[in-house]
Amino acid sequence: DGSYLVDGSVTLRDLNREFEWDLPDEEAVTIAGLILHESR
């Protein structure tokens, strides 16, 4: 369906690099960290 199953330990830099996304990586390193940071 165009979505991705991503392990929580996958780094944001790897995702941005692979898919040319622009997920912010200033406050978090991994996808799990980003969710924790944004959702509080």
PDB file of all heavy atoms in Angstrom:
ATOM      1  N   ASP A   1       0.807  -1.218   0.000  1.00  0.00           N
ATOM      2  CA  ASP A   1       0.000   0.000   0.000  1.00  0.00           C
ATOM      3  C   ASP A   1       0.845   1.275   0.000  1.00  0.00           C
ATOM      4  O   ASP A   1       0.302   2.374   0.138  1.00  0.00           O
ATOM      5  CB  ASP A   1      -0.950   0.000   1.197  1.00  0.00           C
ATOM      6  CG  ASP A   1      -0.222  -0.075   2.544  1.00  0.00           C
ATOM      7  OD1 ASP A   1       1.030  -0.190   2.539  1.00  0.00           O
ATOM      8  OD2 ASP A   1      -0.909  -0.030   3.593  1.00  0.00           O
ATOM      9  N   GLY A   2       2.159   1.145  -0.137  1.00  0.00           N
ATOM     10  CA  GLY A   2       3.028   2.313  -0.162  1.00  0.00           C
ATOM     11  C   GLY A   2       3.596   2.704   1.184  1.00  0.00           C
ATOM     12  O   GLY A   2       4.392   3.643   1.269  1.00  0.00           O
ATOM     13  N   SER A   3       3.207   2.000   2.237  1.00  0.00           N
ATOM     14  CA  SER A   3       3.740   2.270   3.559  1.00  0.00           C
ATOM     15  C   SER A   3       4.991   1.425   3.798  1.00  0.00           C
ATOM     16  O   SER A   3       5.369   0.599   2.962  1.00  0.00           O
ATOM     17  CB  SER A   3       2.686   1.971   4.623  1.00  0.00           C
ATOM     18  OG  SER A   3       2.345   0.585   4.619  1.00  0.00           O
ATOM     19  N   TYR A   4       5.609   1.638   4.970  1.00  0.00           N
ATOM     20  CA  TYR A   4       6.829   0.916   5.315  1.00  0.00           C
ATOM     21  C   TYR A   4       6.737   0.438   6.760  1.00  0.00           C
ATOM     22  O   TYR A   4       6.297   1.183   7.641  1.00  0.00           O
ATOM     23  CB  TYR A   4       8.067   1.804   5.154  1.00  0.00           C
ATOM     24  CG  TYR A   4       8.295   2.303   3.747  1.00  0.00           C
ATOM     25  CD1 TYR A   4       7.690   3.468   3.297  1.00  0.00           C
ATOM     26  CD2 TYR A   4       9.112   1.611   2.866  1.00  0.00           C
ATOM     27  CE1 TYR A   4       7.886   3.934   2.013  1.00  0.00           C
ATOM     28  CE2 TYR A   4       9.327   2.073   1.571  1.00  0.00           C
ATOM     29  CZ  TYR A   4       8.708   3.231   1.159  1.00  0.00           C
ATOM     30  OH  TYR A   4       8.920   3.690  -0.122  1.00  0.00           O
ATOM     31  N   LEU A   5       7.149  -0.799   7.001  1.00  0.00           N
ATOM     32  CA  LEU A   5       7.321  -1.290   8.359  1.00  0.00           C
ATOM     33  C   LEU A   5       8.771  -1.019   8.755  1.00  0.00           C
ATOM     34  O   LEU A   5       9.704  -1.529   8.129  1.00  0.00           O
ATOM     35  CB  LEU A   5       7.007  -2.780   8.452  1.00  0.00           C
ATOM     36  CG  LEU A   5       5.531  -3.167   8.486  1.00  0.00           C
ATOM     37  CD1 LEU A   5       5.373  -4.688   8.560  1.00  0.00           C
ATOM     38  CD2 LEU A   5       4.812  -2.517   9.678  1.00  0.00           C
ATOM     39  N   VAL A   6       8.950  -0.204   9.779  1.00  0.00           N
ATOM     40  CA  VAL A   6      10.276   0.267  10.157  1.00  0.00           C
ATOM     41  C   VAL A   6      10.560  -0.124  11.600  1.00  0.00           C
ATOM     42  O   VAL A   6       9.741   0.114  12.492  1.00  0.00           O
ATOM     43  CB  VAL A   6      10.381   1.797  10.005  1.00  0.00           C
ATOM     44  CG1 VAL A   6      11.796   2.265  10.310  1.00  0.00           C
ATOM     45  CG2 VAL A   6       9.962   2.229   8.605  1.00  0.00           C
ATOM     46  N   ASP A   7      11.722  -0.736  11.832  1.00  0.00           N
ATOM     47  CA  ASP A   7      12.150  -1.020  13.194  1.00  0.00           C
ATOM     48  C   ASP A   7      12.410   0.285  13.937  1.00  0.00           C
ATOM     49  O   ASP A   7      12.908   1.262  13.343  1.00  0.00           O
ATOM     50  CB  ASP A   7      13.417  -1.873  13.192  1.00  0.00           C
ATOM     51  CG  ASP A   7      13.165  -3.288  12.700  1.00  0.00           C
ATOM     52  OD1 ASP A   7      11.985  -3.655  12.547  1.00  0.00           O
ATOM     53  OD2 ASP A   7      14.144  -4.021  12.463  1.00  0.00           O
ATOM     54  N   GLY A   8      12.096   0.310  15.212  1.00  0.00           N
ATOM     55  CA  GLY A   8      12.274   1.524  15.989  1.00  0.00           C
ATOM     56  C   GLY A   8      13.705   2.003  16.060  1.00  0.00           C
ATOM     57  O   GLY A   8      13.964   3.185  16.280  1.00  0.00           O
ATOM     58  N   SER A   9      14.673   1.098  15.871  1.00  0.00           N
ATOM     59  CA  SER A   9      16.086   1.450  15.970  1.00  0.00           C
ATOM     60  C   SER A   9      16.668   2.014  14.683  1.00  0.00           C
ATOM     61  O   SER A   9      17.833   2.442  14.671  1.00  0.00           O
ATOM     62  CB  SER A   9      16.900   0.217  16.390  1.00  0.00           C
ATOM     63  OG  SER A   9      16.727  -0.845  15.450  1.00  0.00           O
ATOM     64  N   VAL A  10      15.904   2.023  13.601  1.00  0.00           N
ATOM     65  CA  VAL A  10      16.400   2.553  12.334  1.00  0.00           C
ATOM     66  C   VAL A  10      16.612   4.058  12.479  1.00  0.00           C
ATOM     67  O   VAL A  10      15.756   4.776  12.992  1.00  0.00           O
ATOM     68  CB  VAL A  10      15.413   2.253  11.188  1.00  0.00           C
ATOM     69  CG1 VAL A  10      15.865   2.920   9.899  1.00  0.00           C
ATOM     70  CG2 VAL A  10      15.282   0.752  10.981  1.00  0.00           C
ATOM     71  N   THR A  11      17.761   4.545  12.035  1.00  0.00           N
ATOM     72  CA  THR A  11      18.084   5.957  12.191  1.00  0.00           C
ATOM     73  C   THR A  11      17.366   6.818  11.151  1.00  0.00           C
ATOM     74  O   THR A  11      17.093   6.382  10.033  1.00  0.00           O
ATOM     75  CB  THR A  11      19.596   6.196  12.084  1.00  0.00           C
ATOM     76  OG1 THR A  11      20.036   5.887  10.758  1.00  0.00           O
ATOM     77  CG2 THR A  11      20.352   5.346  13.083  1.00  0.00           C
ATOM     78  N   LEU A  12      17.076   8.032  11.560  1.00  0.00           N
ATOM     79  CA  LEU A  12      16.419   8.980  10.668  1.00  0.00           C
ATOM     80  C   LEU A  12      17.308   9.338   9.479  1.00  0.00           C
ATOM     81  O   LEU A  12      16.826   9.544   8.365  1.00  0.00           O
ATOM     82  CB  LEU A  12      16.056  10.247  11.445  1.00  0.00           C
ATOM     83  CG  LEU A  12      15.058  10.051  12.591  1.00  0.00           C
ATOM     84  CD1 LEU A  12      14.982  11.297  13.456  1.00  0.00           C
ATOM     85  CD2 LEU A  12      13.677   9.705  12.040  1.00  0.00           C
ATOM     86  N   ARG A  13      18.626   9.400   9.710  1.00  0.00           N
ATOM     87  CA  ARG A  13      19.544   9.717   8.623  1.00  0.00           C
ATOM     88  C   ARG A  13      19.505   8.645   7.548  1.00  0.00           C
ATOM     89  O   ARG A  13      19.556   8.953   6.358  1.00  0.00           O
ATOM     90  CB  ARG A  13      20.974   9.877   9.158  1.00  0.00           C
ATOM     91  CG  ARG A  13      21.186  11.153   9.939  1.00  0.00           C
ATOM     92  CD  ARG A  13      22.629  11.285  10.406  1.00  0.00           C
ATOM     93  NE  ARG A  13      23.581  11.155   9.326  1.00  0.00           N
ATOM     94  CZ  ARG A  13      23.859  12.086   8.445  1.00  0.00           C
ATOM     95  NH1 ARG A  13      23.239  13.256   8.542  1.00  0.00           N
ATOM     96  NH2 ARG A  13      24.741  11.872   7.497  1.00  0.00           N
ATOM     97  N   ASP A  14      19.414   7.377   7.955  1.00  0.00           N
ATOM     98  CA  ASP A  14      19.329   6.299   6.971  1.00  0.00           C
ATOM     99  C   ASP A  14      18.043   6.390   6.163  1.00  0.00           C
ATOM    100  O   ASP A  14      18.050   6.167   4.948  1.00  0.00           O
ATOM    101  CB  ASP A  14      19.423   4.946   7.677  1.00  0.00           C
ATOM    102  CG  ASP A  14      20.824   4.643   8.191  1.00  0.00           C
ATOM    103  OD1 ASP A  14      21.776   5.311   7.738  1.00  0.00           O
ATOM    104  OD2 ASP A  14      20.968   3.750   9.058  1.00  0.00           O
ATOM    105  N   LEU A  15      16.932   6.705   6.822  1.00  0.00           N
ATOM    106  CA  LEU A  15      15.663   6.846   6.115  1.00  0.00           C
ATOM    107  C   LEU A  15      15.701   8.023   5.144  1.00  0.00           C
ATOM    108  O   LEU A  15      15.267   7.900   3.990  1.00  0.00           O
ATOM    109  CB  LEU A  15      14.526   7.021   7.112  1.00  0.00           C
ATOM    110  CG  LEU A  15      14.147   5.797   7.953  1.00  0.00           C
ATOM    111  CD1 LEU A  15      13.118   6.177   9.013  1.00  0.00           C
ATOM    112  CD2 LEU A  15      13.588   4.686   7.066  1.00  0.00           C
ATOM    113  N   ASN A  16      16.199   9.161   5.616  1.00  0.00           N
ATOM    114  CA  ASN A  16      16.280  10.342   4.746  1.00  0.00           C
ATOM    115  C   ASN A  16      17.187  10.090   3.549  1.00  0.00           C
ATOM    116  O   ASN A  16      16.919  10.543   2.433  1.00  0.00           O
ATOM    117  CB  ASN A  16      16.781  11.542   5.537  1.00  0.00           C
ATOM    118  CG  ASN A  16      15.762  12.048   6.549  1.00  0.00           C
ATOM    119  OD1 ASN A  16      14.562  11.840   6.403  1.00  0.00           O
ATOM    120  ND2 ASN A  16      16.245  12.720   7.585  1.00  0.00           N
ATOM    121  N   ARG A  17      18.247   9.372   3.808  1.00  0.00           N
ATOM    122  CA  ARG A  17      19.208   9.109   2.744  1.00  0.00           C
ATOM    123  C   ARG A  17      18.652   8.136   1.713  1.00  0.00           C
ATOM    124  O   ARG A  17      18.824   8.331   0.505  1.00  0.00           O
ATOM    125  CB  ARG A  17      20.492   8.553   3.372  1.00  0.00           C
ATOM    126  CG  ARG A  17      21.635   8.433   2.427  1.00  0.00           C
ATOM    127  CD  ARG A  17      22.862   8.011   3.218  1.00  0.00           C
ATOM    128  NE  ARG A  17      24.056   8.193   2.485  1.00  0.00           N
ATOM    129  CZ  ARG A  17      25.250   8.097   2.975  1.00  0.00           C
ATOM    130  NH1 ARG A  17      25.409   7.832   4.225  1.00  0.00           N
ATOM    131  NH2 ARG A  17      26.303   8.283   2.257  1.00  0.00           N
ATOM    132  N   GLU A  18      17.977   7.107   2.191  1.00  0.00           N
ATOM    133  CA  GLU A  18      17.479   6.075   1.303  1.00  0.00           C
ATOM    134  C   GLU A  18      16.315   6.549   0.455  1.00  0.00           C
ATOM    135  O   GLU A  18      16.237   6.276  -0.750  1.00  0.00           O
ATOM    136  CB  GLU A  18      17.060   4.853   2.125  1.00  0.00           C
ATOM    137  CG  GLU A  18      16.458   3.710   1.306  1.00  0.00           C
ATOM    138  CD  GLU A  18      17.473   3.052   0.387  1.00  0.00           C
ATOM    139  OE1 GLU A  18      18.691   3.158   0.660  1.00  0.00           O
ATOM    140  OE2 GLU A  18      17.056   2.457  -0.623  1.00  0.00           O
ATOM    141  N   PHE A  19      15.388   7.287   1.094  1.00  0.00           N
ATOM    142  CA  PHE A  19      14.155   7.672   0.405  1.00  0.00           C
ATOM    143  C   PHE A  19      14.090   9.161   0.078  1.00  0.00           C
ATOM    144  O   PHE A  19      13.083   9.621  -0.449  1.00  0.00           O
ATOM    145  CB  PHE A  19      12.946   7.278   1.259  1.00  0.00           C
ATOM    146  CG  PHE A  19      12.881   5.816   1.588  1.00  0.00           C
ATOM    147  CD1 PHE A  19      13.181   5.357   2.860  1.00  0.00           C
ATOM    148  CD2 PHE A  19      12.540   4.892   0.622  1.00  0.00           C
ATOM    149  CE1 PHE A  19      13.131   4.002   3.176  1.00  0.00           C
ATOM    150  CE2 PHE A  19      12.491   3.532   0.919  1.00  0.00           C
ATOM    151  CZ  PHE A  19      12.789   3.091   2.198  1.00  0.00           C
ATOM    152  N   GLU A  20      15.179   9.915   0.399  1.00  0.00           N
ATOM    153  CA  GLU A  20      15.229  11.354   0.160  1.00  0.00           C
ATOM    154  C   GLU A  20      14.072  12.075   0.849  1.00  0.00           C
ATOM    155  O   GLU A  20      13.457  12.975   0.281  1.00  0.00           O
ATOM    156  CB  GLU A  20      15.272  11.658  -1.338  1.00  0.00           C
ATOM    157  CG  GLU A  20      16.533  11.149  -2.030  1.00  0.00           C
ATOM    158  CD  GLU A  20      16.761  11.737  -3.399  1.00  0.00           C
ATOM    159  OE1 GLU A  20      15.800  12.293  -3.968  1.00  0.00           O
ATOM    160  OE2 GLU A  20      17.900  11.677  -3.904  1.00  0.00           O
ATOM    161  N   TRP A  21      13.793  11.643   2.081  1.00  0.00           N
ATOM    162  CA  TRP A  21      12.815  12.329   2.911  1.00  0.00           C
ATOM    163  C   TRP A  21      13.507  13.466   3.652  1.00  0.00           C
ATOM    164  O   TRP A  21      14.707  13.685   3.523  1.00  0.00           O
ATOM    165  CB  TRP A  21      12.171  11.346   3.900  1.00  0.00           C
ATOM    166  CG  TRP A  21      11.308  10.298   3.240  1.00  0.00           C
ATOM    167  CD1 TRP A  21      10.732  10.372   2.005  1.00  0.00           C
ATOM    168  CD2 TRP A  21      10.931   9.027   3.784  1.00  0.00           C
ATOM    169  NE1 TRP A  21      10.029   9.236   1.730  1.00  0.00           N
ATOM    170  CE2 TRP A  21      10.121   8.384   2.818  1.00  0.00           C
ATOM    171  CE3 TRP A  21      11.191   8.368   4.985  1.00  0.00           C
ATOM    172  CZ2 TRP A  21       9.581   7.114   3.020  1.00  0.00           C
ATOM    173  CZ3 TRP A  21      10.657   7.102   5.195  1.00  0.00           C
ATOM    174  CH2 TRP A  21       9.844   6.493   4.213  1.00  0.00           C
ATOM    175  N   ASP A  22      12.745  14.152   4.459  1.00  0.00           N
ATOM    176  CA  ASP A  22      13.278  15.285   5.213  1.00  0.00           C
ATOM    177  C   ASP A  22      12.795  15.216   6.664  1.00  0.00           C
ATOM    178  O   ASP A  22      12.396  16.223   7.243  1.00  0.00           O
ATOM    179  CB  ASP A  22      12.846  16.606   4.570  1.00  0.00           C
ATOM    180  CG  ASP A  22      13.656  17.790   5.093  1.00  0.00           C
ATOM    181  OD1 ASP A  22      14.785  17.576   5.565  1.00  0.00           O
ATOM    182  OD2 ASP A  22      13.148  18.927   5.028  1.00  0.00           O
ATOM    183  N   LEU A  23      12.863  14.039   7.242  1.00  0.00           N
ATOM    184  CA  LEU A  23      12.499  13.895   8.649  1.00  0.00           C
ATOM    185  C   LEU A  23      13.546  14.589   9.511  1.00  0.00           C
ATOM    186  O   LEU A  23      14.747  14.409   9.312  1.00  0.00           O
ATOM    187  CB  LEU A  23      12.407  12.418   9.023  1.00  0.00           C
ATOM    188  CG  LEU A  23      11.213  11.642   8.456  1.00  0.00           C
ATOM    189  CD1 LEU A  23      11.405  10.148   8.648  1.00  0.00           C
ATOM    190  CD2 LEU A  23       9.914  12.109   9.110  1.00  0.00           C
ATOM    191  N   PRO A  24      13.128  15.407  10.476  1.00  0.00           N
ATOM    192  CA  PRO A  24      14.105  16.156  11.295  1.00  0.00           C
ATOM    193  C   PRO A  24      14.911  15.226  12.184  1.00  0.00           C
ATOM    194  O   PRO A  24      14.366  14.358  12.868  1.00  0.00           O
ATOM    195  CB  PRO A  24      13.217  17.083  12.121  1.00  0.00           C
ATOM    196  CG  PRO A  24      11.885  16.406  12.168  1.00  0.00           C
ATOM    197  CD  PRO A  24      11.737  15.671  10.876  1.00  0.00           C
ATOM    198  N   ASP A  25      16.230  15.378  12.186  1.00  0.00           N
ATOM    199  CA  ASP A  25      17.101  14.548  13.001  1.00  0.00           C
ATOM    200  C   ASP A  25      17.924  15.357  13.987  1.00  0.00           C
ATOM    201  O   ASP A  25      18.963  14.896  14.455  1.00  0.00           O
ATOM    202  CB  ASP A  25      18.028  13.712  12.104  1.00  0.00           C
ATOM    203  CG  ASP A  25      18.874  14.565  11.160  1.00  0.00           C
ATOM    204  OD1 ASP A  25      18.758  15.807  11.220  1.00  0.00           O
ATOM    205  OD2 ASP A  25      19.630  13.991  10.364  1.00  0.00           O
ATOM    206  N   GLU A  26      17.466  16.574  14.290  1.00  0.00           N
ATOM    207  CA  GLU A  26      18.203  17.415  15.233  1.00  0.00           C
ATOM    208  C   GLU A  26      17.997  16.983  16.679  1.00  0.00           C
ATOM    209  O   GLU A  26      18.929  17.015  17.483  1.00  0.00           O
ATOM    210  CB  GLU A  26      17.787  18.890  15.096  1.00  0.00           C
ATOM    211  CG  GLU A  26      18.187  19.544  13.776  1.00  0.00           C
ATOM    212  CD  GLU A  26      17.194  19.249  12.682  1.00  0.00           C
ATOM    213  OE1 GLU A  26      16.105  18.678  12.997  1.00  0.00           O
ATOM    214  OE2 GLU A  26      17.458  19.562  11.504  1.00  0.00           O
ATOM    215  N   GLU A  27      16.771  16.567  17.026  1.00  0.00           N
ATOM    216  CA  GLU A  27      16.439  16.231  18.404  1.00  0.00           C
ATOM    217  C   GLU A  27      16.377  14.735  18.659  1.00  0.00           C
ATOM    218  O   GLU A  27      16.288  14.310  19.805  1.00  0.00           O
ATOM    219  CB  GLU A  27      15.089  16.862  18.792  1.00  0.00           C
ATOM    220  CG  GLU A  27      15.038  18.383  18.641  1.00  0.00           C
ATOM    221  CD  GLU A  27      15.973  19.086  19.589  1.00  0.00           C
ATOM    222  OE1 GLU A  27      16.330  18.489  20.631  1.00  0.00           O
ATOM    223  OE2 GLU A  27      16.351  20.245  19.314  1.00  0.00           O
ATOM    224  N   ALA A  28      16.383  13.913  17.635  1.00  0.00           N
ATOM    225  CA  ALA A  28      16.283  12.468  17.779  1.00  0.00           C
ATOM    226  C   ALA A  28      17.151  11.795  16.737  1.00  0.00           C
ATOM    227  O   ALA A  28      17.400  12.349  15.667  1.00  0.00           O
ATOM    228  CB  ALA A  28      14.833  12.006  17.657  1.00  0.00           C
ATOM    229  N   VAL A  29      17.607  10.588  17.058  1.00  0.00           N
ATOM    230  CA  VAL A  29      18.473   9.840  16.158  1.00  0.00           C
ATOM    231  C   VAL A  29      17.694   8.774  15.409  1.00  0.00           C
ATOM    232  O   VAL A  29      17.856   8.602  14.213  1.00  0.00           O
ATOM    233  CB  VAL A  29      19.651   9.205  16.935  1.00  0.00           C
ATOM    234  CG1 VAL A  29      20.505   8.348  16.015  1.00  0.00           C
ATOM    235  CG2 VAL A  29      20.495  10.281  17.596  1.00  0.00           C
ATOM    236  N   THR A  30      16.821   8.069  16.113  1.00  0.00           N
ATOM    237  CA  THR A  30      16.074   6.963  15.522  1.00  0.00           C
ATOM    238  C   THR A  30      14.618   7.347  15.292  1.00  0.00           C
ATOM    239  O   THR A  30      14.135   8.370  15.784  1.00  0.00           O
ATOM    240  CB  THR A  30      16.133   5.727  16.424  1.00  0.00           C
ATOM    241  OG1 THR A  30      15.465   6.021  17.663  1.00  0.00           O
ATOM    242  CG2 THR A  30      17.579   5.339  16.709  1.00  0.00           C
ATOM    243  N   ILE A  31      13.918   6.493  14.564  1.00  0.00           N
ATOM    244  CA  ILE A  31      12.499   6.730  14.309  1.00  0.00           C
ATOM    245  C   ILE A  31      11.704   6.646  15.609  1.00  0.00           C
ATOM    246  O   ILE A  31      10.754   7.409  15.820  1.00  0.00           O
ATOM    247  CB  ILE A  31      11.960   5.732  13.248  1.00  0.00           C
ATOM    248  CG1 ILE A  31      10.584   6.168  12.746  1.00  0.00           C
ATOM    249  CG2 ILE A  31      11.937   4.310  13.791  1.00  0.00           C
ATOM    250  CD1 ILE A  31      10.638   7.367  11.855  1.00  0.00           C
ATOM    251  N   ALA A  32      12.104   5.747  16.519  1.00  0.00           N
ATOM    252  CA  ALA A  32      11.448   5.656  17.818  1.00  0.00           C
ATOM    253  C   ALA A  32      11.689   6.921  18.627  1.00  0.00           C
ATOM    254  O   ALA A  32      10.771   7.439  19.283  1.00  0.00           O
ATOM    255  CB  ALA A  32      11.947   4.434  18.574  1.00  0.00           C
ATOM    256  N   GLY A  33      12.909   7.431  18.586  1.00  0.00           N
ATOM    257  CA  GLY A  33      13.217   8.665  19.306  1.00  0.00           C
ATOM    258  C   GLY A  33      12.428   9.847  18.786  1.00  0.00           C
ATOM    259  O   GLY A  33      12.010  10.713  19.557  1.00  0.00           O
ATOM    260  N   LEU A  34      12.211   9.900  17.480  1.00  0.00           N
ATOM    261  CA  LEU A  34      11.434  10.989  16.901  1.00  0.00           C
ATOM    262  C   LEU A  34       9.994  10.957  17.403  1.00  0.00           C
ATOM    263  O   LEU A  34       9.417  11.997  17.742  1.00  0.00           O
ATOM    264  CB  LEU A  34      11.466  10.902  15.375  1.00  0.00           C
ATOM    265  CG  LEU A  34      10.635  11.954  14.628  1.00  0.00           C
ATOM    266  CD1 LEU A  34      11.175  13.354  14.879  1.00  0.00           C
ATOM    267  CD2 LEU A  34      10.606  11.664  13.121  1.00  0.00           C
ATOM    268  N   ILE A  35       9.408   9.762  17.452  1.00  0.00           N
ATOM    269  CA  ILE A  35       8.031   9.639  17.933  1.00  0.00           C
ATOM    270  C   ILE A  35       7.930  10.065  19.391  1.00  0.00           C
ATOM    271  O   ILE A  35       7.004  10.793  19.778  1.00  0.00           O
ATOM    272  CB  ILE A  35       7.532   8.190  17.739  1.00  0.00           C
ATOM    273  CG1 ILE A  35       7.440   7.865  16.250  1.00  0.00           C
ATOM    274  CG2 ILE A  35       6.169   7.997  18.405  1.00  0.00           C
ATOM    275  CD1 ILE A  35       7.115   6.418  15.954  1.00  0.00           C
ATOM    276  N   LEU A  36       8.877   9.639  20.212  1.00  0.00           N
ATOM    277  CA  LEU A  36       8.872  10.020  21.622  1.00  0.00           C
ATOM    278  C   LEU A  36       9.030  11.523  21.783  1.00  0.00           C
ATOM    279  O   LEU A  36       8.373  12.144  22.627  1.00  0.00           O
ATOM    280  CB  LEU A  36       9.978   9.281  22.374  1.00  0.00           C
ATOM    281  CG  LEU A  36       9.843   7.758  22.491  1.00  0.00           C
ATOM    282  CD1 LEU A  36      11.076   7.161  23.152  1.00  0.00           C
ATOM    283  CD2 LEU A  36       8.583   7.387  23.270  1.00  0.00           C
ATOM    284  N   HIS A  37       9.908  12.115  20.987  1.00  0.00           N
ATOM    285  CA  HIS A  37      10.151  13.555  21.076  1.00  0.00           C
ATOM    286  C   HIS A  37       8.923  14.357  20.663  1.00  0.00           C
ATOM    287  O   HIS A  37       8.568  15.349  21.310  1.00  0.00           O
ATOM    288  CB  HIS A  37      11.351  13.938  20.211  1.00  0.00           C
ATOM    289  CG  HIS A  37      11.571  15.409  20.110  1.00  0.00           C
ATOM    290  ND1 HIS A  37      12.069  16.170  21.144  1.00  0.00           N
ATOM    291  CD2 HIS A  37      11.323  16.284  19.081  1.00  0.00           C
ATOM    292  CE1 HIS A  37      12.147  17.430  20.767  1.00  0.00           C
ATOM    293  NE2 HIS A  37      11.705  17.538  19.519  1.00  0.00           N
ATOM    294  N   GLU A  38       8.293  13.947  19.582  1.00  0.00           N
ATOM    295  CA  GLU A  38       7.164  14.710  19.064  1.00  0.00           C
ATOM    296  C   GLU A  38       5.892  14.482  19.875  1.00  0.00           C
ATOM    297  O   GLU A  38       5.125  15.424  20.096  1.00  0.00           O
ATOM    298  CB  GLU A  38       6.904  14.331  17.598  1.00  0.00           C
ATOM    299  CG  GLU A  38       8.025  14.720  16.644  1.00  0.00           C
ATOM    300  CD  GLU A  38       8.117  16.213  16.423  1.00  0.00           C
ATOM    301  OE1 GLU A  38       7.170  16.940  16.807  1.00  0.00           O
ATOM    302  OE2 GLU A  38       9.141  16.681  15.879  1.00  0.00           O
ATOM    303  N   SER A  39       5.655  13.266  20.304  1.00  0.00           N
ATOM    304  CA  SER A  39       4.413  12.961  21.013  1.00  0.00           C
ATOM    305  C   SER A  39       4.472  13.287  22.500  1.00  0.00           C
ATOM    306  O   SER A  39       3.427  13.443  23.147  1.00  0.00           O
ATOM    307  CB  SER A  39       4.054  11.488  20.832  1.00  0.00           C
ATOM    308  OG  SER A  39       5.024  10.652  21.436  1.00  0.00           O
ATOM    309  N   ARG A  40       5.708  13.375  23.051  1.00  0.00           N
ATOM    310  CA  ARG A  40       5.879  13.654  24.481  1.00  0.00           C
ATOM    311  C   ARG A  40       5.199  12.605  25.344  1.00  0.00           C
ATOM    312  O   ARG A  40       4.695  12.899  26.422  1.00  0.00           O
ATOM    313  CB  ARG A  40       5.341  15.043  24.844  1.00  0.00           C
ATOM    314  CG  ARG A  40       5.896  16.177  24.002  1.00  0.00           C
ATOM    315  CD  ARG A  40       7.375  16.358  24.209  1.00  0.00           C
ATOM    316  NE  ARG A  40       7.901  17.440  23.384  1.00  0.00           N
ATOM    317  CZ  ARG A  40       9.164  17.812  23.354  1.00  0.00           C
ATOM    318  NH1 ARG A  40      10.042  17.182  24.098  1.00  0.00           N
ATOM    319  NH2 ARG A  40       9.571  18.804  22.572  1.00  0.00           N
TER     320      ARG A  40
END
